[in-house]
Amino acid sequence: MLLERVQFDSIEMYDEAKKRVQYGLSFTKNKKSVIIYTTDKALHEKFLEEIEQRCILNNFENIYDMEKLIGKGSFGKVH
């Protein structure tokens, strides 16, 4: 799966059969998903940190305040 335009989610689920928590990462593109998971919370958090550094923020407006538009062009705007 090419990683352009992929939706990324972190999930936590409880496996009833094995009586343990599983920490997962879900990658979705064109309504097709791949989920990888581990029972090691520290490993999950480390992978989550690494993948977030390489992904585009979908919640950029919630994290940062854009004060002033300084330029715009055919491909985007600069604040």
C-alpha atoms as a PDB file:
ATOM      1  CA  MET A   1       0.000   0.000   0.000  1.00  0.00           C
ATOM      2  CA  LEU A   2       1.506   3.325  -1.042  1.00  0.00           C
ATOM      3  CA  LEU A   3       1.416   5.744   1.879  1.00  0.00           C
ATOM      4  CA  GLU A   4       0.108   8.794   0.031  1.00  0.00           C
ATOM      5  CA  ARG A   5      -3.403   9.817   1.105  1.00  0.00           C
ATOM      6  CA  VAL A   6      -3.647   7.111   3.734  1.00  0.00           C
ATOM      7  CA  GLN A   7      -5.829   7.641   6.797  1.00  0.00           C
ATOM      8  CA  PHE A   8      -4.070   6.606   9.977  1.00  0.00           C
ATOM      9  CA  ASP A   9      -5.687   5.721  13.328  1.00  0.00           C
ATOM     10  CA  SER A  10      -4.404   4.357  16.614  1.00  0.00           C
ATOM     11  CA  ILE A  11      -6.712   1.780  18.209  1.00  0.00           C
ATOM     12  CA  GLU A  12      -6.854  -0.219  21.419  1.00  0.00           C
ATOM     13  CA  MET A  13      -8.839  -3.445  21.630  1.00  0.00           C
ATOM     14  CA  TYR A  14      -9.361  -6.212  24.132  1.00  0.00           C
ATOM     15  CA  ASP A  15      -8.910  -9.799  22.908  1.00  0.00           C
ATOM     16  CA  GLU A  16     -11.504 -11.850  24.829  1.00  0.00           C
ATOM     17  CA  ALA A  17     -10.037 -15.188  23.729  1.00  0.00           C
ATOM     18  CA  LYS A  18      -6.524 -14.397  24.968  1.00  0.00           C
ATOM     19  CA  LYS A  19      -7.602 -12.055  27.809  1.00  0.00           C
ATOM     20  CA  ARG A  20      -5.220  -9.251  26.883  1.00  0.00           C
ATOM     21  CA  VAL A  21      -5.155  -5.748  25.441  1.00  0.00           C
ATOM     22  CA  GLN A  22      -3.889  -5.259  21.899  1.00  0.00           C
ATOM     23  CA  TYR A  23      -2.634  -1.903  20.642  1.00  0.00           C
ATOM     24  CA  GLY A  24      -3.124  -1.374  16.936  1.00  0.00           C
ATOM     25  CA  LEU A  25      -2.429   0.971  14.076  1.00  0.00           C
ATOM     26  CA  SER A  26      -4.939   1.112  11.236  1.00  0.00           C
ATOM     27  CA  PHE A  27      -4.026   2.376   7.771  1.00  0.00           C
ATOM     28  CA  THR A  28      -6.957   2.967   5.378  1.00  0.00           C
ATOM     29  CA  LYS A  29      -6.923   3.915   1.711  1.00  0.00           C
ATOM     30  CA  ASN A  30      -9.795   3.650  -0.755  1.00  0.00           C
ATOM     31  CA  LYS A  31     -11.937   1.798   1.813  1.00  0.00           C
ATOM     32  CA  LYS A  32      -9.281  -0.918   2.238  1.00  0.00           C
ATOM     33  CA  SER A  33      -7.632  -1.266   5.645  1.00  0.00           C
ATOM     34  CA  VAL A  34      -4.540  -2.856   7.097  1.00  0.00           C
ATOM     35  CA  ILE A  35      -4.263  -3.197  10.880  1.00  0.00           C
ATOM     36  CA  ILE A  36      -1.059  -4.091  12.673  1.00  0.00           C
ATOM     37  CA  TYR A  37      -1.070  -4.722  16.396  1.00  0.00           C
ATOM     38  CA  THR A  38       1.063  -5.626  19.386  1.00  0.00           C
ATOM     39  CA  THR A  39       0.517  -6.393  23.055  1.00  0.00           C
ATOM     40  CA  ASP A  40       3.551  -4.287  24.006  1.00  0.00           C
ATOM     41  CA  LYS A  41       2.285  -0.782  24.850  1.00  0.00           C
ATOM     42  CA  ALA A  42       5.790   0.757  24.842  1.00  0.00           C
ATOM     43  CA  LEU A  43       6.484  -0.599  21.347  1.00  0.00           C
ATOM     44  CA  HIS A  44       3.111   0.729  20.144  1.00  0.00           C
ATOM     45  CA  GLU A  45       3.829   4.209  21.517  1.00  0.00           C
ATOM     46  CA  LYS A  46       7.308   4.255  19.935  1.00  0.00           C
ATOM     47  CA  PHE A  47       5.914   3.270  16.534  1.00  0.00           C
ATOM     48  CA  LEU A  48       3.140   5.860  16.942  1.00  0.00           C
ATOM     49  CA  GLU A  49       5.731   8.606  17.595  1.00  0.00           C
ATOM     50  CA  GLU A  50       7.729   7.582  14.520  1.00  0.00           C
ATOM     51  CA  ILE A  51       4.753   7.404  12.157  1.00  0.00           C
ATOM     52  CA  GLU A  52       3.330  10.747  13.353  1.00  0.00           C
ATOM     53  CA  GLN A  53       6.632  12.450  12.458  1.00  0.00           C
ATOM     54  CA  ARG A  54       6.251  11.225   8.886  1.00  0.00           C
ATOM     55  CA  CYS A  55       2.551  11.900   8.314  1.00  0.00           C
ATOM     56  CA  ILE A  56       0.652  15.030   7.378  1.00  0.00           C
ATOM     57  CA  LEU A  57      -1.392  16.396  10.268  1.00  0.00           C
ATOM     58  CA  ASN A  58      -5.135  16.136   9.659  1.00  0.00           C
ATOM     59  CA  ASN A  59      -5.870  18.184  12.790  1.00  0.00           C
ATOM     60  CA  PHE A  60      -3.448  21.041  12.019  1.00  0.00           C
ATOM     61  CA  GLU A  61      -6.092  23.738  12.647  1.00  0.00           C
ATOM     62  CA  ASN A  62      -6.827  22.277  16.113  1.00  0.00           C
ATOM     63  CA  ILE A  63      -3.169  22.406  17.157  1.00  0.00           C
ATOM     64  CA  TYR A  64      -1.940  25.682  15.628  1.00  0.00           C
ATOM     65  CA  ASP A  65      -3.359  29.210  15.303  1.00  0.00           C
ATOM     66  CA  MET A  66      -2.988  30.761  11.868  1.00  0.00           C
ATOM     67  CA  GLU A  67      -2.770  34.517  12.326  1.00  0.00           C
ATOM     68  CA  LYS A  68      -2.244  36.047   8.907  1.00  0.00           C
ATOM     69  CA  LEU A  69      -2.206  35.005   5.244  1.00  0.00           C
ATOM     70  CA  ILE A  70       1.155  36.039   3.751  1.00  0.00           C
ATOM     71  CA  GLY A  71       0.778  34.518   0.308  1.00  0.00           C
ATOM     72  CA  LYS A  72      -1.142  32.141  -1.923  1.00  0.00           C
ATOM     73  CA  GLY A  73      -0.652  30.370  -5.220  1.00  0.00           C
ATOM     74  CA  SER A  74      -2.042  27.627  -7.404  1.00  0.00           C
ATOM     75  CA  PHE A  75      -1.075  24.875  -4.982  1.00  0.00           C
ATOM     76  CA  GLY A  76      -1.796  26.358  -1.581  1.00  0.00           C
ATOM     77  CA  LYS A  77      -1.748  29.178   0.933  1.00  0.00           C
ATOM     78  CA  VAL A  78       1.020  30.340   3.293  1.00  0.00           C
ATOM     79  CA  HIS A  79       0.043  31.696   6.715  1.00  0.00           C
END
